[in-house]
Amino acid sequence: MILSNSDFKLDVTSEIGNLRTLLIHSPDNGLGKVVPSKAQDWLFEDIVHLDTMRKNEYDYYVKLLMYFLDPDKIKGKLNAIDDAANSRSFFKPDNKNFHASDKVIEIQTLLEDILQEADIRKKLVAAVCAIENCNYRLQLRLIDTPPVELAKIIISGSLNKDEMIFAPIPNLIFSRDIGVAINNYMLLNKPAKKARARETLLARYIFFNHPLFAGYRDNILEIPETVQHFLRPGEDNDEKTTLEGGDVMMVSPQHLIIGCSERTSVSGANEAIKLLFKNEVVQKVTIVKIPHKRDYMHIDTVFTQVKRDMWVLLRSLAIKENKLDDHEPALWFADKKNKDKPEIVQFEKGKKPKTFKCLEDLLSEVSENDLGSKEETKFIYSGGDTFPYDAREQWTDSCNLLAIKEGVVLGYDRNDKTVEAFKEKGFAIIKVAELLQKFENNELDPETMSNTLILMPSAELSRARGGFHCMSMPLQRDAIVIGHYVIGH
């Protein structure tokens, strides 16, 4: 099956416009083979129970996306899909009952499609085998493997049920990190960790070779290394050219935010800015430098957008100033400058760089100046801005939310204090299982929903340290409408 949508458009101009098309990857068998001693090497905090992650968690995500983006694939079929849960045929790309949506696109299907071409298959297999140090006979064997099976092998590392030939790539479920759509361009990323090298290779082959993206090949941008980088000394993170999608946010048609973090270096951000300005993709890029700590990882673990005038964020990294309590005099002798406070610098073509004192100031400017909000910008704080819940819930992705449309966001059900903070801002709270039944019974309509936090089960998914913002690569969103004006293409 060659997935080709004649109506496909690569067009993302915000974080909150109605989501129309996205790229995902459902948990594959490789996730079920991560061993404790390798978990952190492969960027997981713990091993996961694969069947629970699939059936009780991620499958709900796929079904929910279908109701919003491709309802004809699921409406009237929900109970049948649930009854067939043991087979999970609806969710398996190699099954005849697979949903095969061209709106909720599975990475594995795109890989299968390009592997149909003999020349591409030979080149990609050779590249994977080189990265994974496979022997030549195995390389020849893989080239002769049917594309459907070969795609599963390349992703999972499993030659069959019991035999693994190279490591899995369990982080492929976090599809955002391998590429980001910026207007009608695609920026391919340079991951910081060796564990994600194969994902980057697959992304290049898919975007440059799949017919779905044929009209955009001149718009695919790759982050270059710094000039003669192989001669430069030093192994410091900032000297390496790295950039991951969790550190890139398309907040308005001409404004991109890039985080410098544990995973994205200053050099990577610098090369991205030069590339974006040279190709006239955006006019303005803001760099947000956050602490290089596993606690934060990417900027989308610190803040994401909920509505044009509302954001969810970790307040300890966002506050305008440190508040010292009168009843704790020892604090007066401490350095009042918070070394972990973000550094924020904005670059705009033809203008001098501009700095911001705090995240709240930057996000308020995005809402009010870039998106034309007439309301004062509001913030929902992780854990209700109460220690230790703020830090605990940020760790389990209270700030890493995906907006399916403006004001309708997905988050984990475990972050109780953050849920309470949403309620205080007037949001309805609903669990995904209940919501799906209401969609199926016509009690609720995805088109008319507003101001809602959808709670997703999270016992296993949260072990991987990523939320639904991480687990999505938007390819098309509707433009934002402000008054009588459309902000976008």
Protein backbone atom coordinates (compact mmCIF):
# COMPACT_ATOMS: atom_id res chain seq x y z
CA MET A 1 0.00 0.00 0.00
CA ILE A 2 1.41 3.35 -1.06
CA LEU A 3 -0.08 6.03 1.16
CA SER A 4 -0.76 9.04 -1.04
CA ASN A 5 -3.22 11.77 -0.15
CA SER A 6 -3.93 14.15 -3.01
CA ASP A 7 -5.32 16.62 -0.47
CA PHE A 8 -2.21 16.51 1.72
CA LYS A 9 -0.73 19.84 2.76
CA LEU A 10 2.34 20.45 4.86
CA ASP A 11 1.22 23.51 6.77
CA VAL A 12 1.76 24.19 10.48
CA THR A 13 1.59 27.81 11.61
CA SER A 14 0.80 27.43 15.33
CA GLU A 15 0.67 25.06 18.29
CA ILE A 16 -3.12 25.31 18.69
CA GLY A 17 -4.82 25.46 15.28
CA ASN A 18 -7.21 22.57 14.59
CA LEU A 19 -5.02 19.52 14.04
CA ARG A 20 -5.70 17.92 10.64
CA THR A 21 -2.80 15.54 9.96
CA LEU A 22 -0.05 14.15 12.14
CA LEU A 23 2.61 11.46 12.17
CA ILE A 24 2.75 8.94 15.03
CA HIS A 25 4.33 5.60 15.87
CA SER A 26 2.53 3.07 18.04
CA PRO A 27 4.62 1.13 20.57
CA ASP A 28 6.36 -1.76 18.77
CA ASN A 29 7.86 -5.02 19.96
CA GLY A 30 11.24 -3.41 20.56
CA LEU A 31 9.79 -1.58 23.56
CA GLY A 32 8.97 -4.89 25.20
CA LYS A 33 12.60 -6.01 25.00
CA VAL A 34 14.31 -3.10 26.75
CA VAL A 35 16.25 -4.52 29.71
CA PRO A 36 16.91 -2.62 32.96
CA SER A 37 20.65 -2.29 32.36
CA LYS A 38 20.01 -0.58 29.00
CA ALA A 39 16.92 1.45 29.82
CA GLN A 40 18.72 4.73 30.48
CA ASP A 41 21.08 4.21 27.53
CA TRP A 42 17.92 4.06 25.44
CA LEU A 43 16.56 7.14 27.27
CA PHE A 44 13.85 5.40 29.31
CA GLU A 45 13.52 5.74 33.08
CA ASP A 46 12.32 2.18 33.52
CA ILE A 47 11.28 -0.90 31.59
CA VAL A 48 7.65 -0.94 30.45
CA HIS A 49 4.92 -3.56 30.17
CA LEU A 50 4.22 -3.51 26.44
CA ASP A 51 0.71 -4.98 26.37
CA THR A 52 -0.50 -2.55 29.03
CA MET A 53 1.12 0.38 27.24
CA ARG A 54 -0.59 -0.59 24.01
CA LYS A 55 -4.07 -1.78 24.96
CA ASN A 56 -4.73 0.30 28.06
CA GLU A 57 -2.95 3.51 27.06
CA TYR A 58 -1.66 4.24 23.56
CA ASP A 59 -4.60 2.61 21.72
CA TYR A 60 -6.88 5.15 23.41
CA TYR A 61 -4.70 7.88 21.92
CA VAL A 62 -5.09 6.48 18.40
CA LYS A 63 -8.86 6.11 18.77
CA LEU A 64 -9.22 9.65 20.10
CA LEU A 65 -7.16 11.07 17.22
CA MET A 66 -9.42 9.21 14.78
CA TYR A 67 -12.59 10.79 16.13
CA PHE A 68 -11.11 14.26 15.74
CA LEU A 69 -9.12 13.86 12.51
CA ASP A 70 -10.58 10.92 10.56
CA PRO A 71 -13.98 10.02 12.06
CA ASP A 72 -15.13 7.91 9.09
CA LYS A 73 -12.48 5.36 10.05
CA ILE A 74 -13.92 4.79 13.52
CA LYS A 75 -17.44 6.19 13.97
CA GLY A 76 -19.88 3.31 14.38
CA LYS A 77 -17.03 0.82 14.78
CA LEU A 78 -15.75 1.57 18.28
CA ASN A 79 -17.39 -1.38 20.01
CA ALA A 80 -16.19 -3.79 17.31
CA ILE A 81 -12.66 -2.43 17.64
CA ASP A 82 -12.80 -2.84 21.42
CA ASP A 83 -14.23 -6.36 21.12
CA ALA A 84 -11.26 -7.27 18.93
CA ALA A 85 -8.81 -5.83 21.46
CA ASN A 86 -6.98 -9.11 21.84
CA SER A 87 -5.99 -9.09 18.18
CA ARG A 88 -5.48 -5.30 18.00
CA SER A 89 -5.86 -5.62 14.22
CA PHE A 90 -7.11 -2.03 13.89
CA PHE A 91 -3.77 -0.76 15.20
CA LYS A 92 -1.36 -3.06 13.33
CA PRO A 93 0.05 -1.68 10.05
CA ASP A 94 0.67 -5.18 8.64
CA ASN A 95 -2.93 -6.33 9.24
CA LYS A 96 -5.74 -6.18 6.65
CA ASN A 97 -7.99 -4.50 9.24
CA PHE A 98 -5.48 -1.72 9.96
CA HIS A 99 -7.07 1.74 9.98
CA ALA A 100 -4.68 3.00 7.22
CA SER A 101 -5.61 6.60 7.93
CA ASP A 102 -4.08 9.35 5.81
CA LYS A 103 -4.74 11.80 8.66
CA VAL A 104 -3.38 9.81 11.60
CA ILE A 105 -0.34 8.49 9.77
CA GLU A 106 1.74 5.63 11.13
CA ILE A 107 5.49 5.96 10.50
CA GLN A 108 5.77 2.23 9.88
CA THR A 109 3.40 2.44 6.89
CA LEU A 110 5.51 5.18 5.30
CA LEU A 111 8.60 3.04 5.79
CA GLU A 112 6.85 0.04 4.21
CA ASP A 113 5.90 2.20 1.23
CA ILE A 114 9.40 3.42 0.42
CA LEU A 115 10.87 -0.06 0.91
CA GLN A 116 8.78 -1.23 -2.07
CA GLU A 117 11.37 0.48 -4.28
CA ALA A 118 14.32 -1.90 -4.78
CA ASP A 119 16.93 0.85 -5.06
CA ILE A 120 15.76 2.61 -1.89
CA ARG A 121 15.54 -0.71 -0.06
CA LYS A 122 19.15 -1.57 -0.90
CA LYS A 123 20.46 1.85 0.14
CA LEU A 124 18.49 2.04 3.37
CA VAL A 125 19.37 -1.50 4.43
CA ALA A 126 23.04 -0.79 3.72
CA ALA A 127 22.89 2.40 5.79
CA VAL A 128 21.15 0.69 8.73
CA CYS A 129 23.59 -2.23 8.62
CA ALA A 130 26.53 0.19 8.61
CA ILE A 131 25.20 2.01 11.67
CA GLU A 132 24.47 -1.25 13.48
CA ASN A 133 27.67 -3.08 12.42
CA CYS A 134 25.83 -5.96 10.76
CA ASN A 135 27.69 -8.53 8.68
CA TYR A 136 27.39 -8.55 4.90
CA ARG A 137 25.42 -11.81 4.65
CA LEU A 138 22.80 -10.42 7.00
CA GLN A 139 22.63 -7.27 4.88
CA LEU A 140 21.90 -9.36 1.76
CA ARG A 141 19.26 -11.34 3.67
CA LEU A 142 17.51 -8.16 4.78
CA ILE A 143 17.48 -6.75 1.25
CA ASP A 144 15.53 -9.84 0.14
CA THR A 145 13.02 -9.55 3.00
CA PRO A 146 9.47 -8.46 2.00
CA PRO A 147 8.95 -4.72 2.72
CA VAL A 148 6.20 -5.25 5.30
CA GLU A 149 8.43 -7.51 7.37
CA LEU A 150 11.54 -5.46 6.71
CA ALA A 151 9.91 -2.30 8.07
CA LYS A 152 9.13 -4.09 11.35
CA ILE A 153 12.67 -5.47 11.57
CA ILE A 154 14.31 -2.08 10.98
CA ILE A 155 12.17 -0.44 13.66
CA SER A 156 12.10 -3.16 16.33
CA GLY A 157 15.52 -4.75 15.75
CA SER A 158 13.84 -8.18 15.83
CA LEU A 159 14.41 -10.60 12.99
CA ASN A 160 11.62 -12.79 14.33
CA LYS A 161 9.76 -13.30 17.60
CA ASP A 162 12.84 -14.51 19.49
CA GLU A 163 15.91 -13.26 17.60
CA MET A 164 17.16 -9.68 17.78
CA ILE A 165 19.85 -8.53 15.33
CA PHE A 166 20.34 -4.99 16.64
CA ALA A 167 19.00 -2.65 19.30
CA PRO A 168 15.40 -1.40 19.22
CA ILE A 169 14.59 2.27 18.77
CA PRO A 170 11.98 2.63 21.54
CA ASN A 171 11.98 6.44 21.35
CA LEU A 172 10.34 6.38 17.91
CA ILE A 173 7.02 6.72 19.74
CA PHE A 174 8.17 10.31 20.36
CA SER A 175 7.74 11.24 16.71
CA ARG A 176 8.07 14.99 17.32
CA ASP A 177 11.79 14.69 17.97
CA ILE A 178 12.77 13.55 14.48
CA GLY A 179 11.26 16.48 12.60
CA VAL A 180 9.14 19.61 12.93
CA ALA A 181 6.84 21.20 10.37
CA ILE A 182 7.41 24.97 10.22
CA ASN A 183 4.90 26.65 7.92
CA ASN A 184 5.25 24.52 4.74
CA TYR A 185 8.83 23.44 5.49
CA MET A 186 10.06 20.37 7.33
CA LEU A 187 13.07 20.76 9.61
CA LEU A 188 14.80 17.42 10.18
CA ASN A 189 16.61 17.20 13.45
CA LYS A 190 19.98 16.07 14.81
CA PRO A 191 19.48 14.08 18.01
CA ALA A 192 21.96 14.36 20.85
CA LYS A 193 21.97 10.69 21.79
CA LYS A 194 23.38 7.78 19.79
CA ALA A 195 20.26 5.75 20.65
CA ARG A 196 18.28 7.90 18.19
CA ALA A 197 20.64 7.76 15.18
CA ARG A 198 18.54 5.18 13.30
CA GLU A 199 15.40 7.27 13.77
CA THR A 200 17.13 10.20 12.07
CA LEU A 201 18.17 8.01 9.16
CA LEU A 202 14.61 6.71 8.70
CA ALA A 203 13.21 10.25 8.79
CA ARG A 204 15.55 11.36 6.01
CA TYR A 205 14.64 8.44 3.78
CA ILE A 206 10.90 8.86 4.40
CA PHE A 207 10.69 12.60 3.84
CA PHE A 208 12.96 12.64 0.80
CA ASN A 209 11.46 9.55 -0.87
CA HIS A 210 7.82 9.07 0.07
CA PRO A 211 5.31 10.31 -2.55
CA LEU A 212 3.25 11.97 0.19
CA PHE A 213 5.98 14.61 0.49
CA ALA A 214 6.91 14.80 -3.20
CA GLY A 215 5.64 18.37 -3.53
CA TYR A 216 7.74 19.54 -0.58
CA ARG A 217 11.16 18.02 -1.23
CA ASP A 218 12.72 21.42 -1.87
CA ASN A 219 11.32 22.48 1.53
CA ILE A 220 13.03 19.78 3.58
CA LEU A 221 15.79 21.33 5.66
CA GLU A 222 18.63 19.45 7.36
CA ILE A 223 20.71 20.93 10.17
CA PRO A 224 24.34 21.05 9.00
CA GLU A 225 27.37 20.53 11.19
CA THR A 226 29.56 23.52 11.91
CA VAL A 227 32.33 24.06 9.35
CA GLN A 228 35.16 21.51 9.77
CA HIS A 229 33.55 20.27 12.98
CA PHE A 230 35.70 17.14 12.86
CA LEU A 231 38.80 19.27 13.50
CA ARG A 232 37.34 21.16 16.43
CA PRO A 233 38.31 20.13 19.98
CA GLY A 234 35.99 19.51 22.87
CA GLU A 235 33.15 17.17 23.71
CA ASP A 236 30.98 19.72 25.50
CA ASN A 237 27.29 19.50 24.63
CA ASP A 238 27.17 23.12 23.43
CA GLU A 239 29.95 22.45 20.92
CA LYS A 240 28.10 19.59 19.28
CA THR A 241 25.47 20.47 16.71
CA THR A 242 22.30 18.87 18.09
CA LEU A 243 18.64 19.78 17.85
CA GLU A 244 15.53 17.78 18.81
CA GLY A 245 11.88 18.48 18.03
CA GLY A 246 10.81 18.76 21.66
CA ASP A 247 12.87 21.96 21.73
CA VAL A 248 11.12 23.51 18.71
CA MET A 249 7.73 25.24 18.85
CA MET A 250 5.93 26.87 15.95
CA VAL A 251 4.01 29.46 17.98
CA SER A 252 2.90 31.74 15.13
CA PRO A 253 3.45 31.92 11.35
CA GLN A 254 6.59 34.06 11.63
CA HIS A 255 7.81 33.10 15.10
CA LEU A 256 9.65 29.96 16.18
CA ILE A 257 10.88 29.16 19.69
CA ILE A 258 13.96 26.95 20.06
CA GLY A 259 15.12 25.60 23.39
CA CYS A 260 18.74 25.05 24.33
CA SER A 261 18.59 22.11 26.70
CA GLU A 262 20.12 18.78 27.60
CA ARG A 263 19.31 17.66 24.04
CA THR A 264 19.63 20.80 21.90
CA SER A 265 22.94 22.67 21.84
CA VAL A 266 23.68 26.35 21.30
CA SER A 267 25.45 25.32 18.10
CA GLY A 268 22.37 23.43 16.92
CA ALA A 269 20.11 26.40 17.61
CA ASN A 270 22.56 28.72 15.84
CA GLU A 271 22.69 26.53 12.71
CA ALA A 272 18.89 26.27 12.71
CA ILE A 273 18.47 30.06 12.86
CA LYS A 274 20.87 30.59 9.96
CA LEU A 275 19.09 27.92 7.91
CA LEU A 276 15.59 29.27 8.65
CA PHE A 277 16.51 32.89 7.93
CA LYS A 278 18.39 32.00 4.75
CA ASN A 279 15.34 30.15 3.39
CA GLU A 280 12.95 32.86 4.66
CA VAL A 281 10.93 30.30 6.61
CA VAL A 282 10.27 32.63 9.56
CA GLN A 283 11.17 36.19 10.50
CA LYS A 284 11.71 35.70 14.23
CA VAL A 285 13.35 33.02 16.40
CA THR A 286 13.51 33.12 20.19
CA ILE A 287 16.09 31.04 22.02
CA VAL A 288 15.12 29.78 25.49
CA LYS A 289 18.04 28.29 27.40
CA ILE A 290 16.96 25.98 30.20
CA PRO A 291 19.10 23.97 32.66
CA HIS A 292 20.84 20.96 31.12
CA LYS A 293 19.14 18.51 33.44
CA ARG A 294 17.25 15.27 32.88
CA ASP A 295 14.40 16.84 34.89
CA TYR A 296 13.58 19.12 31.96
CA MET A 297 15.08 17.50 28.85
CA HIS A 298 13.21 19.71 26.32
CA ILE A 299 11.34 23.00 26.53
CA ASP A 300 8.05 21.15 25.90
CA THR A 301 8.51 19.50 29.30
CA VAL A 302 8.52 23.01 30.81
CA PHE A 303 5.67 24.67 28.87
CA THR A 304 3.12 24.06 26.11
CA GLN A 305 0.23 26.13 24.77
CA VAL A 306 -3.40 25.48 25.67
CA LYS A 307 -5.20 28.44 24.04
CA ARG A 308 -4.03 31.62 22.36
CA ASP A 309 -4.18 33.37 25.73
CA MET A 310 -3.26 30.42 27.98
CA TRP A 311 -0.21 28.25 28.65
CA VAL A 312 0.67 25.47 31.07
CA LEU A 313 4.16 25.70 32.58
CA LEU A 314 6.49 24.96 35.46
CA ARG A 315 6.48 28.15 37.48
CA SER A 316 9.84 27.57 39.17
CA LEU A 317 11.46 28.15 35.75
CA ALA A 318 9.08 30.92 34.75
CA ILE A 319 8.84 33.36 37.66
CA LYS A 320 9.78 36.98 37.18
CA GLU A 321 11.79 37.16 40.39
CA ASN A 322 12.75 35.10 43.41
CA LYS A 323 10.48 35.78 46.34
CA LEU A 324 12.18 35.75 49.73
CA ASP A 325 10.00 35.16 52.75
CA ASP A 326 10.45 37.54 55.70
CA HIS A 327 10.35 34.62 58.14
CA GLU A 328 13.40 32.97 56.52
CA PRO A 329 16.20 35.55 57.06
CA ALA A 330 18.94 33.13 55.93
CA LEU A 331 17.61 33.48 52.38
CA TRP A 332 18.61 37.14 52.34
CA PHE A 333 22.26 36.08 52.32
CA ALA A 334 21.77 33.81 49.31
CA ASP A 335 22.53 34.94 45.78
CA LYS A 336 19.28 36.44 44.58
CA LYS A 337 20.04 35.45 41.00
CA ASN A 338 18.56 32.06 40.16
CA LYS A 339 21.21 30.22 38.15
CA ASP A 340 18.52 27.86 36.81
CA LYS A 341 16.37 30.70 35.51
CA PRO A 342 15.95 30.54 31.73
CA GLU A 343 17.95 32.87 29.50
CA ILE A 344 15.77 34.19 26.69
CA VAL A 345 17.00 36.02 23.59
CA GLN A 346 14.96 36.85 20.51
CA PHE A 347 16.44 37.28 17.04
CA GLU A 348 14.48 39.05 14.30
CA LYS A 349 15.68 39.74 10.79
CA GLY A 350 16.85 43.33 10.46
CA LYS A 351 16.59 44.10 14.18
CA LYS A 352 18.84 43.97 17.22
CA PRO A 353 18.46 40.96 19.53
CA LYS A 354 15.88 41.37 22.28
CA THR A 355 15.96 39.77 25.74
CA PHE A 356 13.16 38.73 28.09
CA LYS A 357 13.36 38.56 31.87
CA CYS A 358 11.23 35.44 32.17
CA LEU A 359 9.16 32.87 30.31
CA GLU A 360 5.91 34.52 31.31
CA ASP A 361 6.93 37.73 29.52
CA LEU A 362 7.87 35.83 26.35
CA LEU A 363 4.68 33.75 26.26
CA SER A 364 2.54 36.81 26.97
CA GLU A 365 4.13 38.54 23.98
CA VAL A 366 3.39 35.54 21.76
CA SER A 367 -0.25 35.50 22.85
CA GLU A 368 -0.89 39.22 22.70
CA ASN A 369 1.37 40.41 19.85
CA ASP A 370 1.80 37.39 17.57
CA LEU A 371 -1.65 35.83 18.00
CA GLY A 372 -3.65 39.00 18.64
CA SER A 373 -5.18 37.97 21.95
CA LYS A 374 -7.14 40.79 23.53
CA GLU A 375 -7.20 39.05 26.91
CA GLU A 376 -4.47 39.11 29.53
CA THR A 377 -2.37 36.00 29.14
CA LYS A 378 -3.16 33.33 31.73
CA PHE A 379 -0.97 30.54 33.10
CA ILE A 380 -1.79 27.14 34.51
CA TYR A 381 1.05 25.95 36.71
CA SER A 382 2.33 22.42 37.11
CA GLY A 383 1.14 20.91 40.38
CA GLY A 384 -0.83 24.06 41.14
CA ASP A 385 2.52 25.79 41.82
CA THR A 386 2.80 23.91 45.10
CA PHE A 387 5.97 22.08 46.14
CA PRO A 388 6.60 19.14 45.85
CA TYR A 389 3.70 18.52 43.46
CA ASP A 390 4.98 21.01 40.89
CA ALA A 391 8.25 19.11 40.46
CA ARG A 392 6.67 15.65 40.75
CA GLU A 393 4.02 16.33 38.14
CA GLN A 394 6.37 18.11 35.76
CA TRP A 395 8.50 14.94 35.85
CA THR A 396 5.42 13.02 34.64
CA ASP A 397 4.70 15.55 31.89
CA SER A 398 2.08 17.82 33.37
CA CYS A 399 3.39 20.55 31.04
CA ASN A 400 3.71 18.35 27.95
CA LEU A 401 0.22 18.63 26.46
CA LEU A 402 -1.02 18.26 22.89
CA ALA A 403 -3.68 20.68 21.66
CA ILE A 404 -5.95 18.86 19.19
CA LYS A 405 -7.71 22.18 18.73
CA GLU A 406 -7.58 25.43 20.62
CA GLY A 407 -8.59 24.78 24.23
CA VAL A 408 -8.91 20.98 23.83
CA VAL A 409 -5.77 19.30 25.15
CA LEU A 410 -4.55 15.82 26.07
CA GLY A 411 -2.67 15.11 29.29
CA TYR A 412 -1.90 12.30 31.70
CA ASP A 413 -4.47 11.31 34.32
CA ARG A 414 -1.84 11.00 37.08
CA ASN A 415 -1.13 14.72 37.53
CA ASP A 416 -3.88 15.48 40.04
CA LYS A 417 -2.83 18.94 41.21
CA THR A 418 -2.39 20.16 37.63
CA VAL A 419 -5.85 18.81 36.81
CA GLU A 420 -7.23 20.87 39.72
CA ALA A 421 -5.47 23.94 38.30
CA PHE A 422 -7.23 23.37 34.97
CA LYS A 423 -10.58 23.12 36.77
CA GLU A 424 -9.92 26.43 38.47
CA LYS A 425 -9.47 28.01 35.03
CA GLY A 426 -12.91 26.75 33.97
CA PHE A 427 -11.89 23.62 32.05
CA ALA A 428 -14.06 20.55 31.83
CA ILE A 429 -12.19 17.37 32.76
CA ILE A 430 -13.07 14.05 31.14
CA LYS A 431 -11.41 10.64 30.95
CA VAL A 432 -10.74 9.39 27.45
CA ALA A 433 -12.71 6.12 27.77
CA GLU A 434 -15.84 8.05 28.76
CA LEU A 435 -15.28 10.61 26.01
CA LEU A 436 -14.97 7.98 23.28
CA GLN A 437 -18.31 6.45 24.27
CA LYS A 438 -19.93 9.88 24.24
CA PHE A 439 -18.58 10.46 20.72
CA GLU A 440 -19.85 7.07 19.61
CA ASN A 441 -23.31 7.65 21.14
CA ASN A 442 -23.53 11.21 19.69
CA GLU A 443 -23.66 12.73 23.17
CA LEU A 444 -20.67 14.93 22.36
CA ASP A 445 -19.29 16.27 19.07
CA PRO A 446 -15.53 16.75 18.54
CA GLU A 447 -16.27 19.77 16.34
CA THR A 448 -18.01 21.70 19.10
CA MET A 449 -15.85 20.77 22.09
CA SER A 450 -14.05 23.58 23.87
CA ASN A 451 -12.11 24.24 27.07
CA THR A 452 -11.55 20.58 27.88
CA LEU A 453 -8.66 18.61 29.37
CA ILE A 454 -8.84 14.99 28.21
CA LEU A 455 -7.22 12.64 30.70
CA MET A 456 -5.21 9.77 29.21
CA PRO A 457 -4.10 6.67 31.15
CA SER A 458 -0.41 6.86 31.91
CA ALA A 459 1.00 4.11 34.14
CA GLU A 460 3.40 2.77 31.48
CA LEU A 461 3.73 5.64 29.00
CA SER A 462 5.00 8.00 31.70
CA ARG A 463 7.99 5.69 32.35
CA ALA A 464 9.35 6.78 28.98
CA ARG A 465 9.49 10.46 30.04
CA GLY A 466 7.34 11.96 27.34
CA GLY A 467 3.79 13.26 26.97
CA PHE A 468 1.45 13.64 24.01
CA HIS A 469 3.22 16.72 22.68
CA CYS A 470 6.26 14.45 22.30
CA MET A 471 4.15 11.66 20.78
CA SER A 472 2.93 13.77 17.85
CA MET A 473 4.44 15.27 14.74
CA PRO A 474 1.80 17.67 13.38
CA LEU A 475 1.95 17.98 9.59
CA GLN A 476 -1.10 20.16 9.09
CA ARG A 477 -3.06 22.51 11.34
CA ASP A 478 -5.71 25.04 10.45
CA ALA A 479 -4.63 28.65 10.51
CA ILE A 480 -5.59 30.69 13.59
CA VAL A 481 -8.47 33.11 13.07
CA ILE A 482 -8.27 36.42 14.96
CA GLY A 483 -11.37 38.52 14.45
CA HIS A 484 -11.80 38.78 10.68
CA TYR A 485 -8.19 37.88 9.94
CA VAL A 486 -6.58 34.50 9.37
CA ILE A 487 -3.12 34.24 10.96
CA GLY A 488 -1.29 31.79 8.69
CA HIS A 489 -1.10 30.67 5.11
